Amino acid sequence: MMLGWARIAADMPDDRVLADVTRAAVLLFAGDAALFLVPVLVVAVVVGLIQTILSVNEASLSFLPKLAALVAVLAIVGDSVMRGLGDFLTTGLLDMVGAIR
């Protein structure tokens, strides 16, 4: 997967390449973090509502569903997240090193 900014990196000034690589890194890491945090947040809210309705104050009842949700999300999207990070590191860091030289 070739990133859009990586194709035109040779035509840009050095500081512009570094700014684009940094922007792409922040967006990539924020998107990847959201893939894991949003489902865990939804599970936490649902479990919290259920615990409030039933008046249950057990800490393990709130932890285990969140852990299960995290493992499920990791099993579903873990491969694509790691491939995206690998693609970014190979293209982005090579462009960054080329811009520094």
N, C-alpha and C. Protein backbone atom coordinates (compact mmCIF):
# COMPACT_ATOMS: atom_id res chain seq x y z
N MET A 1 0.84 -1.18 0.00
CA MET A 1 0.00 0.00 0.00
C MET A 1 0.89 1.24 0.00
N MET A 2 0.77 2.04 -1.02
CA MET A 2 1.58 3.24 -1.14
C MET A 2 0.78 4.43 -0.62
N LEU A 3 1.38 5.19 0.27
CA LEU A 3 0.70 6.34 0.83
C LEU A 3 0.77 7.50 -0.14
N GLY A 4 -0.24 8.37 -0.10
CA GLY A 4 -0.32 9.48 -1.05
C GLY A 4 0.84 10.45 -0.95
N TRP A 5 1.27 10.75 0.26
CA TRP A 5 2.34 11.71 0.42
C TRP A 5 3.69 11.13 0.03
N ALA A 6 3.81 9.80 0.03
CA ALA A 6 5.10 9.18 -0.27
C ALA A 6 5.45 9.29 -1.75
N ARG A 7 4.44 9.38 -2.61
CA ARG A 7 4.69 9.43 -4.05
C ARG A 7 5.31 10.75 -4.49
N ILE A 8 4.97 11.83 -3.82
CA ILE A 8 5.45 13.13 -4.25
C ILE A 8 6.52 13.68 -3.32
N ALA A 9 7.07 12.85 -2.48
CA ALA A 9 8.06 13.31 -1.50
C ALA A 9 9.32 13.83 -2.16
N ALA A 10 9.67 13.29 -3.32
CA ALA A 10 10.90 13.71 -3.98
C ALA A 10 10.80 15.14 -4.51
N ASP A 11 9.59 15.64 -4.74
CA ASP A 11 9.42 16.96 -5.31
C ASP A 11 9.25 18.06 -4.26
N MET A 12 9.22 17.71 -3.00
CA MET A 12 8.95 18.68 -1.94
C MET A 12 10.25 19.09 -1.24
N PRO A 13 10.23 20.26 -0.61
CA PRO A 13 11.37 20.65 0.22
C PRO A 13 11.48 19.74 1.44
N ASP A 14 12.65 19.72 2.05
CA ASP A 14 12.91 18.82 3.16
C ASP A 14 11.96 19.03 4.33
N ASP A 15 11.73 20.28 4.73
CA ASP A 15 10.87 20.53 5.87
C ASP A 15 9.42 20.14 5.58
N ARG A 16 9.00 20.27 4.35
CA ARG A 16 7.64 19.88 3.98
C ARG A 16 7.49 18.37 4.04
N VAL A 17 8.50 17.62 3.63
CA VAL A 17 8.46 16.16 3.70
C VAL A 17 8.36 15.72 5.15
N LEU A 18 9.17 16.31 6.01
CA LEU A 18 9.14 15.95 7.43
C LEU A 18 7.80 16.30 8.05
N ALA A 19 7.22 17.43 7.68
CA ALA A 19 5.90 17.80 8.21
C ALA A 19 4.83 16.82 7.74
N ASP A 20 4.90 16.41 6.48
CA ASP A 20 3.90 15.46 5.97
C ASP A 20 4.06 14.08 6.59
N VAL A 21 5.29 13.65 6.81
CA VAL A 21 5.52 12.37 7.47
C VAL A 21 5.01 12.41 8.91
N THR A 22 5.24 13.51 9.59
CA THR A 22 4.77 13.66 10.97
C THR A 22 3.25 13.66 11.01
N ARG A 23 2.62 14.40 10.10
CA ARG A 23 1.15 14.43 10.05
C ARG A 23 0.58 13.04 9.77
N ALA A 24 1.19 12.33 8.84
CA ALA A 24 0.73 10.98 8.52
C ALA A 24 0.90 10.05 9.72
N ALA A 25 2.00 10.21 10.46
CA ALA A 25 2.23 9.36 11.64
C ALA A 25 1.19 9.62 12.72
N VAL A 26 0.88 10.88 12.97
CA VAL A 26 -0.11 11.20 14.00
C VAL A 26 -1.47 10.66 13.61
N LEU A 27 -1.86 10.84 12.35
CA LEU A 27 -3.16 10.34 11.90
C LEU A 27 -3.23 8.82 11.93
N LEU A 28 -2.15 8.16 11.55
CA LEU A 28 -2.11 6.70 11.57
C LEU A 28 -2.22 6.17 12.99
N PHE A 29 -1.45 6.73 13.89
CA PHE A 29 -1.46 6.24 15.27
C PHE A 29 -2.77 6.59 15.98
N ALA A 30 -3.35 7.75 15.68
CA ALA A 30 -4.64 8.11 16.27
C ALA A 30 -5.74 7.18 15.76
N GLY A 31 -5.71 6.88 14.48
CA GLY A 31 -6.70 5.96 13.92
C GLY A 31 -6.56 4.56 14.48
N ASP A 32 -5.33 4.10 14.62
CA ASP A 32 -5.11 2.77 15.17
C ASP A 32 -5.50 2.70 16.64
N ALA A 33 -5.23 3.75 17.38
CA ALA A 33 -5.63 3.77 18.79
C ALA A 33 -7.15 3.80 18.92
N ALA A 34 -7.81 4.53 18.04
CA ALA A 34 -9.27 4.60 18.09
C ALA A 34 -9.90 3.24 17.79
N LEU A 35 -9.26 2.45 16.94
CA LEU A 35 -9.78 1.11 16.64
C LEU A 35 -9.86 0.25 17.89
N PHE A 36 -8.97 0.48 18.84
CA PHE A 36 -8.97 -0.32 20.06
C PHE A 36 -9.74 0.36 21.19
N LEU A 37 -9.68 1.68 21.26
CA LEU A 37 -10.28 2.37 22.40
C LEU A 37 -11.80 2.51 22.30
N VAL A 38 -12.34 2.71 21.12
CA VAL A 38 -13.78 2.91 20.97
C VAL A 38 -14.58 1.68 21.39
N PRO A 39 -14.24 0.47 20.92
CA PRO A 39 -15.01 -0.69 21.38
C PRO A 39 -14.90 -0.93 22.89
N VAL A 40 -13.73 -0.70 23.45
CA VAL A 40 -13.56 -0.87 24.90
C VAL A 40 -14.39 0.16 25.65
N LEU A 41 -14.45 1.38 25.14
CA LEU A 41 -15.27 2.41 25.77
C LEU A 41 -16.75 2.05 25.72
N VAL A 42 -17.20 1.54 24.59
CA VAL A 42 -18.61 1.14 24.46
C VAL A 42 -18.93 0.01 25.44
N VAL A 43 -18.05 -0.98 25.52
CA VAL A 43 -18.26 -2.08 26.46
C VAL A 43 -18.26 -1.57 27.89
N ALA A 44 -17.37 -0.65 28.20
CA ALA A 44 -17.31 -0.11 29.57
C ALA A 44 -18.60 0.62 29.94
N VAL A 45 -19.15 1.38 29.00
CA VAL A 45 -20.39 2.11 29.28
C VAL A 45 -21.54 1.13 29.47
N VAL A 46 -21.63 0.13 28.62
CA VAL A 46 -22.72 -0.86 28.73
C VAL A 46 -22.61 -1.63 30.04
N VAL A 47 -21.42 -2.08 30.38
CA VAL A 47 -21.24 -2.82 31.62
C VAL A 47 -21.50 -1.92 32.83
N GLY A 48 -21.08 -0.68 32.74
CA GLY A 48 -21.36 0.25 33.83
C GLY A 48 -22.85 0.49 34.02
N LEU A 49 -23.57 0.61 32.92
CA LEU A 49 -25.03 0.77 33.03
C LEU A 49 -25.68 -0.47 33.64
N ILE A 50 -25.24 -1.64 33.21
CA ILE A 50 -25.80 -2.87 33.76
C ILE A 50 -25.48 -2.98 35.24
N GLN A 51 -24.25 -2.65 35.63
CA GLN A 51 -23.89 -2.72 37.04
C GLN A 51 -24.68 -1.70 37.86
N THR A 52 -24.95 -0.55 37.30
CA THR A 52 -25.74 0.45 38.01
C THR A 52 -27.19 0.01 38.16
N ILE A 53 -27.74 -0.54 37.10
CA ILE A 53 -29.14 -0.98 37.15
C ILE A 53 -29.31 -2.12 38.15
N LEU A 54 -28.37 -3.04 38.17
CA LEU A 54 -28.47 -4.20 39.06
C LEU A 54 -27.82 -3.96 40.42
N SER A 55 -27.23 -2.81 40.64
CA SER A 55 -26.55 -2.46 41.89
C SER A 55 -25.47 -3.47 42.27
N VAL A 56 -24.63 -3.79 41.30
CA VAL A 56 -23.52 -4.72 41.51
C VAL A 56 -22.23 -3.91 41.53
N ASN A 57 -21.42 -4.08 42.57
CA ASN A 57 -20.14 -3.38 42.68
C ASN A 57 -18.99 -4.37 42.69
N GLU A 58 -18.83 -5.09 41.64
CA GLU A 58 -17.74 -6.06 41.54
C GLU A 58 -16.77 -5.57 40.45
N ALA A 59 -15.51 -5.39 40.83
CA ALA A 59 -14.53 -4.83 39.89
C ALA A 59 -14.22 -5.78 38.75
N SER A 60 -14.20 -7.08 39.01
CA SER A 60 -13.87 -8.02 37.95
C SER A 60 -14.96 -8.08 36.89
N LEU A 61 -16.19 -7.74 37.24
CA LEU A 61 -17.27 -7.73 36.26
C LEU A 61 -17.11 -6.59 35.25
N SER A 62 -16.40 -5.55 35.61
CA SER A 62 -16.17 -4.47 34.66
C SER A 62 -14.87 -4.68 33.87
N PHE A 63 -13.93 -5.40 34.45
CA PHE A 63 -12.64 -5.60 33.79
C PHE A 63 -12.68 -6.69 32.73
N LEU A 64 -13.29 -7.81 33.04
CA LEU A 64 -13.25 -8.95 32.12
C LEU A 64 -13.95 -8.70 30.78
N PRO A 65 -15.12 -8.05 30.73
CA PRO A 65 -15.70 -7.76 29.42
C PRO A 65 -14.85 -6.80 28.58
N LYS A 66 -14.21 -5.84 29.23
CA LYS A 66 -13.33 -4.93 28.49
C LYS A 66 -12.13 -5.67 27.94
N LEU A 67 -11.57 -6.57 28.72
CA LEU A 67 -10.45 -7.38 28.25
C LEU A 67 -10.87 -8.28 27.09
N ALA A 68 -12.06 -8.87 27.19
CA ALA A 68 -12.56 -9.73 26.11
C ALA A 68 -12.79 -8.91 24.84
N ALA A 69 -13.31 -7.69 24.98
CA ALA A 69 -13.52 -6.83 23.81
C ALA A 69 -12.19 -6.45 23.17
N LEU A 70 -11.20 -6.16 23.98
CA LEU A 70 -9.89 -5.80 23.47
C LEU A 70 -9.25 -6.97 22.72
N VAL A 71 -9.36 -8.16 23.26
CA VAL A 71 -8.80 -9.35 22.60
C VAL A 71 -9.54 -9.61 21.29
N ALA A 72 -10.87 -9.44 21.29
CA ALA A 72 -11.64 -9.66 20.06
C ALA A 72 -11.26 -8.65 18.98
N VAL A 73 -11.12 -7.39 19.35
CA VAL A 73 -10.72 -6.38 18.38
C VAL A 73 -9.31 -6.66 17.87
N LEU A 74 -8.43 -7.07 18.75
CA LEU A 74 -7.07 -7.40 18.33
C LEU A 74 -7.07 -8.57 17.36
N ALA A 75 -7.91 -9.56 17.60
CA ALA A 75 -7.99 -10.71 16.69
C ALA A 75 -8.55 -10.31 15.33
N ILE A 76 -9.48 -9.35 15.32
CA ILE A 76 -10.12 -8.97 14.06
C ILE A 76 -9.26 -8.03 13.24
N VAL A 77 -8.74 -6.97 13.85
CA VAL A 77 -8.03 -5.95 13.08
C VAL A 77 -6.53 -5.90 13.35
N GLY A 78 -6.01 -6.80 14.16
CA GLY A 78 -4.60 -6.75 14.52
C GLY A 78 -3.67 -6.86 13.33
N ASP A 79 -4.00 -7.74 12.40
CA ASP A 79 -3.14 -7.95 11.23
C ASP A 79 -3.09 -6.71 10.35
N SER A 80 -4.24 -6.10 10.10
CA SER A 80 -4.26 -4.92 9.24
C SER A 80 -3.57 -3.73 9.91
N VAL A 81 -3.71 -3.61 11.22
CA VAL A 81 -3.03 -2.53 11.94
C VAL A 81 -1.51 -2.71 11.84
N MET A 82 -1.05 -3.91 12.04
CA MET A 82 0.40 -4.16 11.97
C MET A 82 0.93 -3.97 10.55
N ARG A 83 0.15 -4.36 9.54
CA ARG A 83 0.57 -4.12 8.15
C ARG A 83 0.63 -2.63 7.85
N GLY A 84 -0.35 -1.86 8.34
CA GLY A 84 -0.33 -0.42 8.14
C GLY A 84 0.87 0.24 8.79
N LEU A 85 1.19 -0.19 10.02
CA LEU A 85 2.36 0.35 10.70
C LEU A 85 3.65 -0.02 9.96
N GLY A 86 3.71 -1.26 9.48
CA GLY A 86 4.89 -1.68 8.73
C GLY A 86 5.06 -0.90 7.43
N ASP A 87 3.96 -0.68 6.72
CA ASP A 87 4.02 0.12 5.49
C ASP A 87 4.45 1.54 5.78
N PHE A 88 3.91 2.10 6.86
CA PHE A 88 4.31 3.46 7.21
C PHE A 88 5.79 3.53 7.54
N LEU A 89 6.27 2.57 8.31
CA LEU A 89 7.68 2.61 8.71
C LEU A 89 8.60 2.45 7.51
N THR A 90 8.24 1.57 6.58
CA THR A 90 9.13 1.39 5.42
C THR A 90 9.11 2.60 4.51
N THR A 91 7.94 3.15 4.21
CA THR A 91 7.90 4.30 3.29
C THR A 91 8.21 5.61 4.00
N GLY A 92 7.61 5.81 5.17
CA GLY A 92 7.77 7.08 5.86
C GLY A 92 9.17 7.33 6.37
N LEU A 93 9.76 6.34 6.95
CA LEU A 93 11.11 6.54 7.47
C LEU A 93 12.14 6.65 6.35
N LEU A 94 11.94 5.94 5.26
CA LEU A 94 12.84 6.11 4.13
C LEU A 94 12.74 7.50 3.54
N ASP A 95 11.53 8.05 3.44
CA ASP A 95 11.37 9.41 2.95
C ASP A 95 11.96 10.43 3.92
N MET A 96 11.81 10.14 5.23
CA MET A 96 12.35 11.05 6.23
C MET A 96 13.87 11.07 6.18
N VAL A 97 14.48 9.92 6.03
CA VAL A 97 15.95 9.86 5.93
C VAL A 97 16.41 10.54 4.66
N GLY A 98 15.67 10.34 3.57
CA GLY A 98 16.02 11.02 2.31
C GLY A 98 15.89 12.52 2.41
N ALA A 99 14.93 13.00 3.19
CA ALA A 99 14.74 14.44 3.34
C ALA A 99 15.83 15.05 4.22
N ILE A 100 16.34 14.30 5.17
CA ILE A 100 17.38 14.81 6.06
C ILE A 100 18.71 14.93 5.34
N ARG A 101 18.99 13.99 4.44
CA ARG A 101 20.29 13.99 3.74
C ARG A 101 20.42 15.09 2.76
